[in-house]
Amino acid sequence: MKPPKPAVDAATVAESPPARPRAKSPKRSRAPAPPPPIPLQQQLLVFGREGVHAFRQMLVVVVVIAAVVGVALGVWSFRPTPAYSSEGLVTGSPFDLTFKVENESPWFELSNLGISCIVDHIRASGLPPTRVEAKDVRFPSSAVSTLQPGESATFTCPFRALIGHPINNDPDIVRRSEIYFHAEYDVPFWRSFRIGHDSAHFFFDTRPIPPRWVVTKP
């Protein structure tokens, strides 16, 4: 005979919660298959198109920069520049000659013009390049230091005091001297900036009559 089942307490049955049904485990999704590799010919075609696009962009930038530089150089080439010449020596020292500065620009003025005289060097003298302000500057209008297109002014350079006595009376010193001029003036239509301009170098030439300072070395 089977043993009798133990009696179940009704209160215990009432207190115990009903068993929860087991949650179904989600199914694992499979990873997508990697795309097939792009053929080499197609890769080269893509790289070629990107390279052509980058080259076109670089070419546009180069053309724009070249155009801006070209315009700037064109405008700069029209700037006014002074030209210099020397009067002939009649009496006295070649260092006391009067020089002429002329505005050769047909369009722009040389405004607020300032001139300096520079002894670049005297061969075998050991004198370093020395600068001194021009004196006795005479403009067409005494009220303003400006040269209109085609106008000229005169000035002298105190070279004798600069070089010193007694070598300034030695003719050989003059023949071994090399001088030039430095001008500063306002930028046309933009007076807040100044232009600096150095002239060609001048040498004293005794061949012309009367002798004078010339650009070409004798």
N, C-alpha and C. Protein backbone atom coordinates (compact mmCIF):
# COMPACT_ATOMS: atom_id res chain seq x y z
N MET A 1 0.84 -1.19 0.00
CA MET A 1 0.00 0.00 0.00
C MET A 1 0.89 1.27 0.00
N LYS A 2 0.44 2.29 -0.75
CA LYS A 2 1.16 3.57 -0.81
C LYS A 2 0.91 4.35 0.44
N PRO A 3 1.97 4.99 0.95
CA PRO A 3 1.75 5.80 2.16
C PRO A 3 0.86 6.98 1.85
N PRO A 4 0.13 7.43 2.79
CA PRO A 4 -0.80 8.57 2.55
C PRO A 4 -0.02 9.86 2.37
N LYS A 5 -0.51 10.71 1.46
CA LYS A 5 0.10 12.02 1.20
C LYS A 5 -0.14 12.92 2.38
N PRO A 6 0.88 13.73 2.72
CA PRO A 6 0.68 14.63 3.86
C PRO A 6 -0.35 15.70 3.54
N ALA A 7 -1.03 16.09 4.51
CA ALA A 7 -2.09 17.11 4.33
C ALA A 7 -1.45 18.46 4.06
N VAL A 8 -2.01 19.18 3.14
CA VAL A 8 -1.51 20.51 2.76
C VAL A 8 -2.27 21.57 3.49
N ASP A 9 -1.51 22.43 4.12
CA ASP A 9 -2.16 23.51 4.88
C ASP A 9 -2.75 24.51 3.91
N ALA A 10 -4.00 24.85 4.10
CA ALA A 10 -4.69 25.79 3.20
C ALA A 10 -4.09 27.17 3.28
N ALA A 11 -3.61 27.59 4.46
CA ALA A 11 -3.03 28.94 4.61
C ALA A 11 -1.73 29.05 3.85
N THR A 12 -0.93 27.95 3.86
CA THR A 12 0.34 27.97 3.13
C THR A 12 0.11 28.08 1.65
N VAL A 13 -0.94 27.36 1.19
CA VAL A 13 -1.27 27.43 -0.24
C VAL A 13 -1.70 28.82 -0.62
N ALA A 14 -2.45 29.47 0.26
CA ALA A 14 -2.94 30.83 -0.05
C ALA A 14 -1.82 31.85 -0.05
N GLU A 15 -0.79 31.69 0.83
CA GLU A 15 0.27 32.68 0.92
C GLU A 15 1.31 32.56 -0.20
N SER A 16 1.58 31.40 -0.70
CA SER A 16 2.62 31.22 -1.71
C SER A 16 2.17 31.79 -3.05
N PRO A 17 3.02 32.63 -3.71
CA PRO A 17 2.61 33.23 -5.01
C PRO A 17 2.61 32.18 -6.09
N PRO A 18 1.81 32.45 -7.06
CA PRO A 18 1.76 31.49 -8.17
C PRO A 18 3.08 31.52 -8.95
N ALA A 19 3.44 30.43 -9.44
CA ALA A 19 4.70 30.34 -10.20
C ALA A 19 4.60 31.13 -11.50
N ARG A 20 5.71 31.98 -11.80
CA ARG A 20 5.73 32.80 -13.01
C ARG A 20 6.18 31.96 -14.19
N PRO A 21 5.61 32.23 -15.30
CA PRO A 21 6.07 31.48 -16.47
C PRO A 21 7.45 31.95 -16.90
N ARG A 22 8.29 31.11 -17.34
CA ARG A 22 9.64 31.44 -17.78
C ARG A 22 9.61 32.28 -19.06
N ALA A 23 10.44 33.39 -19.00
CA ALA A 23 10.53 34.27 -20.21
C ALA A 23 11.35 33.58 -21.27
N LYS A 24 10.88 33.77 -22.46
CA LYS A 24 11.59 33.16 -23.56
C LYS A 24 12.85 33.98 -23.88
N SER A 25 13.96 33.38 -24.00
CA SER A 25 15.22 34.06 -24.33
C SER A 25 15.16 34.57 -25.77
N PRO A 26 15.56 35.85 -25.94
CA PRO A 26 15.48 36.40 -27.31
C PRO A 26 16.45 35.69 -28.23
N LYS A 27 16.04 35.62 -29.40
CA LYS A 27 16.90 34.97 -30.40
C LYS A 27 18.02 35.93 -30.81
N ARG A 28 19.23 35.42 -30.85
CA ARG A 28 20.37 36.23 -31.26
C ARG A 28 20.32 36.51 -32.75
N SER A 29 20.44 37.89 -33.06
CA SER A 29 20.41 38.27 -34.48
C SER A 29 21.77 38.03 -35.11
N ARG A 30 21.78 37.62 -36.26
CA ARG A 30 23.02 37.35 -36.96
C ARG A 30 23.66 38.66 -37.46
N ALA A 31 24.97 38.78 -37.32
CA ALA A 31 25.69 39.97 -37.81
C ALA A 31 25.58 40.05 -39.33
N PRO A 32 25.36 41.31 -39.85
CA PRO A 32 25.25 41.43 -41.31
C PRO A 32 26.55 41.06 -41.98
N ALA A 33 26.41 40.50 -43.08
CA ALA A 33 27.59 40.08 -43.84
C ALA A 33 28.33 41.30 -44.35
N PRO A 34 29.67 41.36 -44.31
CA PRO A 34 30.44 42.52 -44.83
C PRO A 34 30.19 42.71 -46.31
N PRO A 35 30.18 44.01 -46.73
CA PRO A 35 29.94 44.26 -48.16
C PRO A 35 31.07 43.69 -49.00
N PRO A 36 30.77 43.35 -50.17
CA PRO A 36 31.83 42.80 -51.03
C PRO A 36 32.88 43.88 -51.33
N PRO A 37 34.13 43.54 -51.44
CA PRO A 37 35.19 44.54 -51.70
C PRO A 37 34.98 45.22 -53.05
N ILE A 38 35.34 46.58 -53.03
CA ILE A 38 35.20 47.34 -54.27
C ILE A 38 36.33 46.94 -55.22
N PRO A 39 36.00 46.74 -56.44
CA PRO A 39 37.06 46.36 -57.39
C PRO A 39 38.14 47.42 -57.48
N LEU A 40 39.35 47.01 -57.74
CA LEU A 40 40.48 47.93 -57.80
C LEU A 40 40.29 49.00 -58.86
N GLN A 41 39.71 48.65 -59.98
CA GLN A 41 39.50 49.62 -61.05
C GLN A 41 38.55 50.72 -60.60
N GLN A 42 37.51 50.33 -59.84
CA GLN A 42 36.57 51.33 -59.36
C GLN A 42 37.22 52.22 -58.30
N GLN A 43 38.07 51.65 -57.43
CA GLN A 43 38.79 52.45 -56.45
C GLN A 43 39.68 53.48 -57.13
N LEU A 44 40.40 53.04 -58.15
CA LEU A 44 41.26 53.98 -58.87
C LEU A 44 40.45 55.09 -59.53
N LEU A 45 39.26 54.76 -60.02
CA LEU A 45 38.41 55.76 -60.65
C LEU A 45 37.95 56.80 -59.63
N VAL A 46 37.60 56.34 -58.40
CA VAL A 46 37.17 57.27 -57.35
C VAL A 46 38.33 58.17 -56.94
N PHE A 47 39.51 57.57 -56.74
CA PHE A 47 40.67 58.37 -56.37
C PHE A 47 41.03 59.37 -57.47
N GLY A 48 40.89 58.98 -58.71
CA GLY A 48 41.18 59.89 -59.80
C GLY A 48 40.23 61.08 -59.82
N ARG A 49 38.93 60.83 -59.56
CA ARG A 49 37.96 61.93 -59.55
C ARG A 49 38.25 62.88 -58.39
N GLU A 50 38.59 62.33 -57.22
CA GLU A 50 38.90 63.19 -56.08
C GLU A 50 40.17 64.00 -56.34
N GLY A 51 41.15 63.37 -56.97
CA GLY A 51 42.38 64.10 -57.29
C GLY A 51 42.14 65.23 -58.28
N VAL A 52 41.30 64.99 -59.29
CA VAL A 52 40.99 66.04 -60.26
C VAL A 52 40.26 67.19 -59.59
N HIS A 53 39.34 66.88 -58.67
CA HIS A 53 38.60 67.93 -57.96
C HIS A 53 39.54 68.76 -57.09
N ALA A 54 40.45 68.08 -56.36
CA ALA A 54 41.40 68.82 -55.53
C ALA A 54 42.34 69.67 -56.39
N PHE A 55 42.75 69.15 -57.54
CA PHE A 55 43.63 69.90 -58.42
C PHE A 55 42.91 71.14 -58.96
N ARG A 56 41.64 71.01 -59.29
CA ARG A 56 40.90 72.17 -59.79
C ARG A 56 40.78 73.24 -58.71
N GLN A 57 40.52 72.82 -57.47
CA GLN A 57 40.43 73.80 -56.39
C GLN A 57 41.77 74.50 -56.19
N MET A 58 42.86 73.74 -56.19
CA MET A 58 44.18 74.34 -56.03
C MET A 58 44.50 75.28 -57.18
N LEU A 59 44.11 74.91 -58.39
CA LEU A 59 44.36 75.76 -59.55
C LEU A 59 43.59 77.07 -59.45
N VAL A 60 42.35 77.00 -58.96
CA VAL A 60 41.56 78.23 -58.79
C VAL A 60 42.23 79.15 -57.78
N VAL A 61 42.72 78.57 -56.66
CA VAL A 61 43.39 79.38 -55.64
C VAL A 61 44.64 80.03 -56.21
N VAL A 62 45.42 79.26 -56.97
CA VAL A 62 46.65 79.81 -57.56
C VAL A 62 46.33 80.93 -58.54
N VAL A 63 45.29 80.74 -59.35
CA VAL A 63 44.91 81.78 -60.32
C VAL A 63 44.46 83.05 -59.61
N VAL A 64 43.68 82.90 -58.53
CA VAL A 64 43.21 84.07 -57.79
C VAL A 64 44.39 84.82 -57.16
N ILE A 65 45.31 84.06 -56.54
CA ILE A 65 46.49 84.70 -55.93
C ILE A 65 47.33 85.40 -56.99
N ALA A 66 47.53 84.74 -58.14
CA ALA A 66 48.31 85.36 -59.21
C ALA A 66 47.64 86.62 -59.73
N ALA A 67 46.31 86.61 -59.82
CA ALA A 67 45.60 87.80 -60.28
C ALA A 67 45.74 88.95 -59.30
N VAL A 68 45.63 88.65 -57.99
CA VAL A 68 45.78 89.69 -56.98
C VAL A 68 47.19 90.27 -57.01
N VAL A 69 48.20 89.38 -57.11
CA VAL A 69 49.58 89.86 -57.15
C VAL A 69 49.83 90.68 -58.42
N GLY A 70 49.26 90.23 -59.55
CA GLY A 70 49.43 90.97 -60.79
C GLY A 70 48.83 92.37 -60.71
N VAL A 71 47.63 92.46 -60.13
CA VAL A 71 47.00 93.78 -59.99
C VAL A 71 47.82 94.67 -59.06
N ALA A 72 48.31 94.07 -57.94
CA ALA A 72 49.10 94.86 -57.00
C ALA A 72 50.39 95.37 -57.66
N LEU A 73 51.06 94.50 -58.42
CA LEU A 73 52.29 94.93 -59.10
C LEU A 73 51.99 95.98 -60.17
N GLY A 74 50.86 95.82 -60.85
CA GLY A 74 50.49 96.82 -61.84
C GLY A 74 50.24 98.19 -61.23
N VAL A 75 49.54 98.19 -60.08
CA VAL A 75 49.29 99.46 -59.40
C VAL A 75 50.60 100.04 -58.88
N TRP A 76 51.47 99.16 -58.33
CA TRP A 76 52.74 99.63 -57.79
C TRP A 76 53.64 100.20 -58.86
N SER A 77 53.55 99.66 -60.07
CA SER A 77 54.41 100.17 -61.15
C SER A 77 54.02 101.58 -61.57
N PHE A 78 52.79 102.01 -61.27
CA PHE A 78 52.35 103.35 -61.63
C PHE A 78 52.62 104.37 -60.52
N ARG A 79 53.28 103.93 -59.44
CA ARG A 79 53.54 104.87 -58.35
C ARG A 79 54.51 105.96 -58.83
N PRO A 80 54.42 107.15 -58.28
CA PRO A 80 55.35 108.21 -58.68
C PRO A 80 56.73 107.95 -58.07
N THR A 81 57.76 108.17 -58.86
CA THR A 81 59.14 108.03 -58.37
C THR A 81 59.93 109.26 -58.78
N PRO A 82 60.79 109.75 -57.89
CA PRO A 82 61.60 110.93 -58.24
C PRO A 82 62.79 110.56 -59.11
N ALA A 83 63.20 111.50 -59.95
CA ALA A 83 64.41 111.35 -60.78
C ALA A 83 65.36 112.48 -60.40
N TYR A 84 66.66 112.18 -60.43
CA TYR A 84 67.66 113.13 -59.96
C TYR A 84 68.66 113.45 -61.07
N SER A 85 69.20 114.64 -60.99
CA SER A 85 70.27 115.06 -61.91
C SER A 85 71.14 116.08 -61.19
N SER A 86 72.34 116.27 -61.72
CA SER A 86 73.32 117.15 -61.09
C SER A 86 73.60 118.35 -61.98
N GLU A 87 73.77 119.50 -61.35
CA GLU A 87 74.26 120.66 -62.09
C GLU A 87 75.76 120.50 -62.33
N GLY A 88 76.29 121.20 -63.31
CA GLY A 88 77.71 121.13 -63.63
C GLY A 88 78.54 121.95 -62.66
N LEU A 89 79.77 121.49 -62.45
CA LEU A 89 80.68 122.19 -61.55
C LEU A 89 81.39 123.32 -62.31
N VAL A 90 81.19 124.54 -61.84
CA VAL A 90 81.86 125.70 -62.42
C VAL A 90 83.01 126.14 -61.51
N THR A 91 82.69 126.34 -60.24
CA THR A 91 83.72 126.69 -59.26
C THR A 91 83.40 125.96 -57.95
N GLY A 92 84.39 125.86 -57.09
CA GLY A 92 84.16 125.27 -55.78
C GLY A 92 84.38 123.76 -55.77
N SER A 93 83.82 123.14 -54.76
CA SER A 93 84.01 121.69 -54.55
C SER A 93 82.88 120.90 -55.20
N PRO A 94 83.18 119.72 -55.76
CA PRO A 94 82.11 118.87 -56.31
C PRO A 94 81.10 118.44 -55.26
N PHE A 95 81.48 118.48 -53.98
CA PHE A 95 80.55 118.11 -52.93
C PHE A 95 79.54 119.22 -52.62
N ASP A 96 79.72 120.39 -53.22
CA ASP A 96 78.80 121.50 -52.97
C ASP A 96 77.83 121.73 -54.13
N LEU A 97 77.76 120.79 -55.06
CA LEU A 97 76.89 120.98 -56.22
C LEU A 97 75.41 120.94 -55.83
N THR A 98 74.64 121.62 -56.66
CA THR A 98 73.19 121.59 -56.49
C THR A 98 72.60 120.46 -57.32
N PHE A 99 71.66 119.74 -56.74
CA PHE A 99 70.99 118.63 -57.42
C PHE A 99 69.54 119.00 -57.69
N LYS A 100 68.99 118.37 -58.71
CA LYS A 100 67.59 118.59 -59.05
C LYS A 100 66.82 117.28 -58.90
N VAL A 101 65.64 117.35 -58.29
CA VAL A 101 64.74 116.21 -58.18
C VAL A 101 63.47 116.54 -58.96
N GLU A 102 63.02 115.61 -59.77
CA GLU A 102 61.87 115.85 -60.64
C GLU A 102 60.85 114.72 -60.48
N ASN A 103 59.58 115.11 -60.53
CA ASN A 103 58.48 114.13 -60.50
C ASN A 103 58.15 113.77 -61.95
N GLU A 104 58.54 112.57 -62.36
CA GLU A 104 58.32 112.15 -63.74
C GLU A 104 56.96 111.49 -63.96
N SER A 105 56.17 111.32 -62.91
CA SER A 105 54.87 110.68 -63.07
C SER A 105 53.90 111.64 -63.77
N PRO A 106 53.16 111.16 -64.77
CA PRO A 106 52.17 112.04 -65.42
C PRO A 106 50.84 112.12 -64.68
N TRP A 107 50.67 111.30 -63.61
CA TRP A 107 49.36 111.25 -62.95
C TRP A 107 49.40 111.64 -61.48
N PHE A 108 50.45 111.25 -60.74
CA PHE A 108 50.44 111.39 -59.29
C PHE A 108 51.47 112.41 -58.83
N GLU A 109 51.19 113.01 -57.69
CA GLU A 109 52.11 113.97 -57.10
C GLU A 109 53.02 113.30 -56.09
N LEU A 110 54.16 113.93 -55.83
CA LEU A 110 55.05 113.53 -54.74
C LEU A 110 54.73 114.42 -53.56
N SER A 111 53.93 113.89 -52.64
CA SER A 111 53.42 114.70 -51.54
C SER A 111 54.27 114.53 -50.29
N ASN A 112 54.52 115.66 -49.60
CA ASN A 112 55.34 115.67 -48.38
C ASN A 112 56.69 115.01 -48.63
N LEU A 113 57.36 115.46 -49.64
CA LEU A 113 58.62 114.86 -50.07
C LEU A 113 59.76 115.26 -49.14
N GLY A 114 60.47 114.26 -48.66
CA GLY A 114 61.68 114.47 -47.88
C GLY A 114 62.85 113.77 -48.54
N ILE A 115 64.02 114.40 -48.56
CA ILE A 115 65.19 113.87 -49.28
C ILE A 115 66.37 113.78 -48.33
N SER A 116 67.08 112.67 -48.42
CA SER A 116 68.32 112.48 -47.68
C SER A 116 69.45 112.19 -48.66
N CYS A 117 70.66 112.59 -48.31
CA CYS A 117 71.86 112.34 -49.12
C CYS A 117 72.71 111.29 -48.41
N ILE A 118 73.17 110.31 -49.16
CA ILE A 118 73.95 109.21 -48.57
C ILE A 118 75.27 109.07 -49.31
N VAL A 119 76.35 109.08 -48.56
CA VAL A 119 77.65 108.70 -49.09
C VAL A 119 77.75 107.19 -48.89
N ASP A 120 77.62 106.44 -49.97
CA ASP A 120 77.64 104.98 -49.84
C ASP A 120 79.00 104.51 -49.37
N HIS A 121 80.04 104.97 -50.01
CA HIS A 121 81.39 104.68 -49.55
C HIS A 121 82.38 105.50 -50.37
N ILE A 122 83.55 105.64 -49.83
CA ILE A 122 84.69 106.23 -50.54
C ILE A 122 85.78 105.17 -50.54
N ARG A 123 86.12 104.70 -51.69
CA ARG A 123 87.07 103.59 -51.79
C ARG A 123 88.39 103.92 -51.09
N ALA A 124 88.88 102.96 -50.32
CA ALA A 124 90.17 103.05 -49.63
C ALA A 124 90.20 104.12 -48.55
N SER A 125 89.03 104.56 -48.08
CA SER A 125 88.99 105.57 -47.02
C SER A 125 88.53 105.00 -45.68
N GLY A 126 87.81 103.88 -45.72
CA GLY A 126 87.28 103.30 -44.49
C GLY A 126 86.04 104.01 -43.98
N LEU A 127 85.50 104.96 -44.74
CA LEU A 127 84.30 105.67 -44.32
C LEU A 127 83.08 104.78 -44.52
N PRO A 128 82.29 104.50 -43.47
CA PRO A 128 81.09 103.67 -43.64
C PRO A 128 79.98 104.47 -44.32
N PRO A 129 78.96 103.81 -44.84
CA PRO A 129 77.83 104.54 -45.41
C PRO A 129 77.24 105.52 -44.40
N THR A 130 77.11 106.77 -44.82
CA THR A 130 76.69 107.84 -43.92
C THR A 130 75.58 108.65 -44.57
N ARG A 131 74.58 108.97 -43.78
CA ARG A 131 73.39 109.65 -44.30
C ARG A 131 73.23 111.01 -43.62
N VAL A 132 72.82 111.99 -44.42
CA VAL A 132 72.57 113.33 -43.91
C VAL A 132 71.38 113.92 -44.66
N GLU A 133 70.58 114.74 -43.97
CA GLU A 133 69.41 115.35 -44.60
C GLU A 133 69.84 116.42 -45.61
N ALA A 134 69.13 116.47 -46.73
CA ALA A 134 69.39 117.51 -47.73
C ALA A 134 69.04 118.88 -47.16
N LYS A 135 69.71 119.89 -47.66
CA LYS A 135 69.44 121.25 -47.20
C LYS A 135 69.14 122.14 -48.40
N ASP A 136 68.65 123.33 -48.11
CA ASP A 136 68.30 124.31 -49.15
C ASP A 136 67.36 123.71 -50.19
N VAL A 137 66.38 122.93 -49.71
CA VAL A 137 65.41 122.33 -50.63
C VAL A 137 64.42 123.41 -51.04
N ARG A 138 64.29 123.60 -52.35
CA ARG A 138 63.42 124.66 -52.88
C ARG A 138 62.38 124.05 -53.81
N PHE A 139 61.14 124.08 -53.34
CA PHE A 139 60.02 123.57 -54.12
C PHE A 139 59.40 124.71 -54.94
N PRO A 140 58.64 124.34 -55.98
CA PRO A 140 57.98 125.41 -56.76
C PRO A 140 57.08 126.28 -55.90
N SER A 141 56.41 125.68 -54.94
CA SER A 141 55.61 126.45 -54.00
C SER A 141 56.26 126.35 -52.64
N SER A 142 56.64 127.47 -52.09
CA SER A 142 57.32 127.46 -50.80
C SER A 142 56.41 127.05 -49.65
N ALA A 143 55.10 127.00 -49.90
CA ALA A 143 54.16 126.69 -48.82
C ALA A 143 54.06 125.19 -48.56
N VAL A 144 54.27 124.36 -49.60
CA VAL A 144 54.10 122.91 -49.44
C VAL A 144 55.31 122.20 -50.04
N SER A 145 55.65 121.06 -49.44
CA SER A 145 56.77 120.25 -49.94
C SER A 145 56.23 119.16 -50.85
N THR A 146 55.62 119.57 -51.94
CA THR A 146 54.96 118.64 -52.87
C THR A 146 55.36 118.99 -54.29
N LEU A 147 55.60 117.95 -55.09
CA LEU A 147 55.88 118.13 -56.50
C LEU A 147 54.73 117.56 -57.31
N GLN A 148 54.09 118.41 -58.08
CA GLN A 148 53.04 117.95 -58.98
C GLN A 148 53.69 117.24 -60.18
N PRO A 149 52.91 116.49 -60.96
CA PRO A 149 53.49 115.82 -62.14
C PRO A 149 54.24 116.79 -63.04
N GLY A 150 55.50 116.46 -63.34
CA GLY A 150 56.33 117.30 -64.20
C GLY A 150 57.08 118.40 -63.48
N GLU A 151 56.81 118.65 -62.20
CA GLU A 151 57.51 119.71 -61.47
C GLU A 151 58.84 119.19 -60.92
N SER A 152 59.72 120.14 -60.59
CA SER A 152 61.02 119.79 -60.05
C SER A 152 61.39 120.74 -58.92
N ALA A 153 62.33 120.30 -58.10
CA ALA A 153 62.85 121.10 -57.00
C ALA A 153 64.36 120.95 -56.98
N THR A 154 65.04 121.84 -56.28
CA THR A 154 66.50 121.76 -56.16
C THR A 154 66.88 121.61 -54.68
N PHE A 155 68.07 121.03 -54.47
CA PHE A 155 68.57 120.85 -53.10
C PHE A 155 70.07 120.68 -53.16
N THR A 156 70.71 120.82 -52.02
CA THR A 156 72.15 120.57 -51.90
C THR A 156 72.37 119.55 -50.79
N CYS A 157 73.55 118.94 -50.82
CA CYS A 157 73.91 117.93 -49.83
C CYS A 157 75.14 118.41 -49.06
N PRO A 158 75.09 118.45 -47.75
CA PRO A 158 76.24 118.91 -46.95
C PRO A 158 77.32 117.83 -46.83
N PHE A 159 77.83 117.40 -47.99
CA PHE A 159 78.82 116.33 -47.99
C PHE A 159 80.16 116.78 -47.39
N ARG A 160 80.52 118.04 -47.57
CA ARG A 160 81.81 118.51 -47.07
C ARG A 160 81.87 118.39 -45.55
N ALA A 161 80.81 118.80 -44.89
CA ALA A 161 80.77 118.68 -43.43
C ALA A 161 80.66 117.21 -43.00
N LEU A 162 80.04 116.41 -43.86
CA LEU A 162 79.86 114.99 -43.53
C LEU A 162 81.18 114.24 -43.61
N ILE A 163 81.94 114.49 -44.67
CA ILE A 163 83.19 113.77 -44.88
C ILE A 163 84.31 114.36 -44.03
N GLY A 164 84.33 115.68 -43.89
CA GLY A 164 85.32 116.30 -43.03
C GLY A 164 86.50 116.90 -43.78
N HIS A 165 87.09 117.86 -43.16
CA HIS A 165 88.25 118.57 -43.70
C HIS A 165 89.52 117.88 -43.19
N PRO A 166 90.60 117.77 -43.98
CA PRO A 166 90.83 118.39 -45.28
C PRO A 166 90.60 117.46 -46.46
N ILE A 167 90.14 116.24 -46.24
CA ILE A 167 90.07 115.29 -47.36
C ILE A 167 89.01 115.71 -48.37
N ASN A 168 88.05 116.57 -47.98
CA ASN A 168 87.01 116.95 -48.94
C ASN A 168 87.57 117.85 -50.04
N ASN A 169 88.78 118.38 -49.88
CA ASN A 169 89.39 119.20 -50.93
C ASN A 169 90.29 118.38 -51.85
N ASP A 170 90.41 117.12 -51.57
CA ASP A 170 91.27 116.26 -52.37
C ASP A 170 90.49 115.77 -53.58
N PRO A 171 90.92 116.08 -54.83
CA PRO A 171 90.16 115.65 -56.01
C PRO A 171 90.05 114.14 -56.12
N ASP A 172 91.05 113.44 -55.63
CA ASP A 172 91.02 111.99 -55.72
C ASP A 172 89.91 111.40 -54.84
N ILE A 173 89.61 112.07 -53.74
CA ILE A 173 88.52 111.62 -52.87
C ILE A 173 87.19 111.67 -53.63
N VAL A 174 86.99 112.72 -54.40
CA VAL A 174 85.75 112.86 -55.17
C VAL A 174 85.63 111.75 -56.20
N ARG A 175 86.71 111.44 -56.88
CA ARG A 175 86.66 110.39 -57.91
C ARG A 175 86.41 109.01 -57.31
N ARG A 176 86.74 108.84 -56.04
CA ARG A 176 86.53 107.54 -55.40
C ARG A 176 85.23 107.49 -54.62
N SER A 177 84.43 108.54 -54.72
CA SER A 177 83.19 108.62 -53.93
C SER A 177 82.01 108.05 -54.72
N GLU A 178 81.07 107.53 -53.98
CA GLU A 178 79.84 106.97 -54.55
C GLU A 178 78.68 107.44 -53.67
N ILE A 179 77.73 108.16 -54.26
CA ILE A 179 76.63 108.73 -53.48
C ILE A 179 75.30 108.31 -54.09
N TYR A 180 74.25 108.45 -53.29
CA TYR A 180 72.89 108.27 -53.80
C TYR A 180 71.93 109.02 -52.89
N PHE A 181 70.66 109.03 -53.26
CA PHE A 181 69.65 109.80 -52.55
C PHE A 181 68.49 108.90 -52.11
N HIS A 182 67.95 109.23 -50.96
CA HIS A 182 66.79 108.50 -50.43
C HIS A 182 65.64 109.48 -50.26
N ALA A 183 64.50 109.14 -50.87
CA ALA A 183 63.31 110.00 -50.79
C ALA A 183 62.19 109.27 -50.05
N GLU A 184 61.42 110.01 -49.32
CA GLU A 184 60.22 109.50 -48.65
C GLU A 184 59.06 110.44 -48.95
N TYR A 185 57.90 109.87 -49.30
CA TYR A 185 56.74 110.67 -49.63
C TYR A 185 55.48 109.84 -49.41
N ASP A 186 54.34 110.52 -49.39
CA ASP A 186 53.06 109.87 -49.08
C ASP A 186 52.61 108.98 -50.23
N VAL A 187 51.95 107.88 -49.88
CA VAL A 187 51.30 107.03 -50.88
C VAL A 187 50.12 107.80 -51.47
N PRO A 188 49.99 107.87 -52.79
CA PRO A 188 48.86 108.60 -53.38
C PRO A 188 47.52 108.04 -52.90
N PHE A 189 46.62 108.94 -52.52
CA PHE A 189 45.27 108.63 -52.05
C PHE A 189 45.26 107.84 -50.73
N TRP A 190 46.43 107.68 -50.10
CA TRP A 190 46.48 106.92 -48.85
C TRP A 190 47.59 107.53 -48.01
N ARG A 191 47.31 108.72 -47.50
CA ARG A 191 48.35 109.54 -46.89
C ARG A 191 48.86 108.99 -45.55
N SER A 192 48.24 107.94 -45.03
CA SER A 192 48.70 107.40 -43.76
C SER A 192 49.97 106.58 -43.91
N PHE A 193 50.36 106.25 -45.13
CA PHE A 193 51.55 105.44 -45.37
C PHE A 193 52.55 106.22 -46.23
N ARG A 194 53.82 105.87 -46.05
CA ARG A 194 54.89 106.54 -46.77
C ARG A 194 55.62 105.55 -47.68
N ILE A 195 56.13 106.06 -48.80
CA ILE A 195 56.95 105.26 -49.72
C ILE A 195 58.40 105.69 -49.55
N GLY A 196 59.28 104.71 -49.45
CA GLY A 196 60.71 104.98 -49.44
C GLY A 196 61.33 104.58 -50.78
N HIS A 197 62.14 105.45 -51.35
CA HIS A 197 62.72 105.18 -52.67
C HIS A 197 64.19 105.59 -52.68
N ASP A 198 65.05 104.64 -53.07
CA ASP A 198 66.48 104.91 -53.21
C ASP A 198 66.82 105.13 -54.68
N SER A 199 67.61 106.14 -54.93
CA SER A 199 68.01 106.44 -56.31
C SER A 199 69.13 105.50 -56.74
N ALA A 200 69.49 105.61 -58.01
CA ALA A 200 70.69 104.93 -58.49
C ALA A 200 71.92 105.61 -57.88
N HIS A 201 73.04 104.94 -57.94
CA HIS A 201 74.27 105.49 -57.39
C HIS A 201 74.93 106.44 -58.40
N PHE A 202 75.45 107.54 -57.86
CA PHE A 202 76.06 108.58 -58.68
C PHE A 202 77.58 108.60 -58.45
N PHE A 203 78.30 108.90 -59.53
CA PHE A 203 79.76 109.02 -59.51
C PHE A 203 80.13 110.35 -60.16
N PHE A 204 81.22 110.94 -59.71
CA PHE A 204 81.62 112.22 -60.28
C PHE A 204 82.43 111.98 -61.54
N ASP A 205 81.94 112.56 -62.65
CA ASP A 205 82.56 112.35 -63.96
C ASP A 205 83.21 113.67 -64.41
N THR A 206 84.51 113.63 -64.64
CA THR A 206 85.24 114.83 -65.06
C THR A 206 85.30 114.98 -66.58
N ARG A 207 84.73 114.04 -67.31
CA ARG A 207 84.79 114.13 -68.78
C ARG A 207 83.85 115.17 -69.36
N PRO A 208 82.61 115.30 -68.84
CA PRO A 208 81.75 116.36 -69.40
C PRO A 208 82.29 117.74 -69.04
N ILE A 209 81.85 118.71 -69.80
CA ILE A 209 82.21 120.10 -69.52
C ILE A 209 80.91 120.89 -69.33
N PRO A 210 80.66 121.39 -68.13
CA PRO A 210 81.47 121.20 -66.91
C PRO A 210 81.25 119.81 -66.30
N PRO A 211 82.16 119.33 -65.43
CA PRO A 211 82.00 118.02 -64.80
C PRO A 211 80.74 117.99 -63.91
N ARG A 212 80.22 116.78 -63.73
CA ARG A 212 78.99 116.64 -62.94
C ARG A 212 78.89 115.23 -62.40
N TRP A 213 77.94 115.04 -61.47
CA TRP A 213 77.64 113.71 -60.94
C TRP A 213 76.72 112.99 -61.91
N VAL A 214 77.09 111.76 -62.27
CA VAL A 214 76.30 110.97 -63.23
C VAL A 214 76.05 109.57 -62.65
N VAL A 215 75.06 108.90 -63.23
CA VAL A 215 74.71 107.56 -62.76
C VAL A 215 75.70 106.54 -63.27
N THR A 216 76.13 106.67 -64.52
CA THR A 216 77.08 105.71 -65.09
C THR A 216 78.46 105.92 -64.52
N LYS A 217 79.06 104.83 -64.05
CA LYS A 217 80.40 104.93 -63.49
C LYS A 217 81.42 105.25 -64.57
N PRO A 218 82.22 106.29 -64.40
CA PRO A 218 83.19 106.64 -65.43
C PRO A 218 84.33 105.63 -65.52
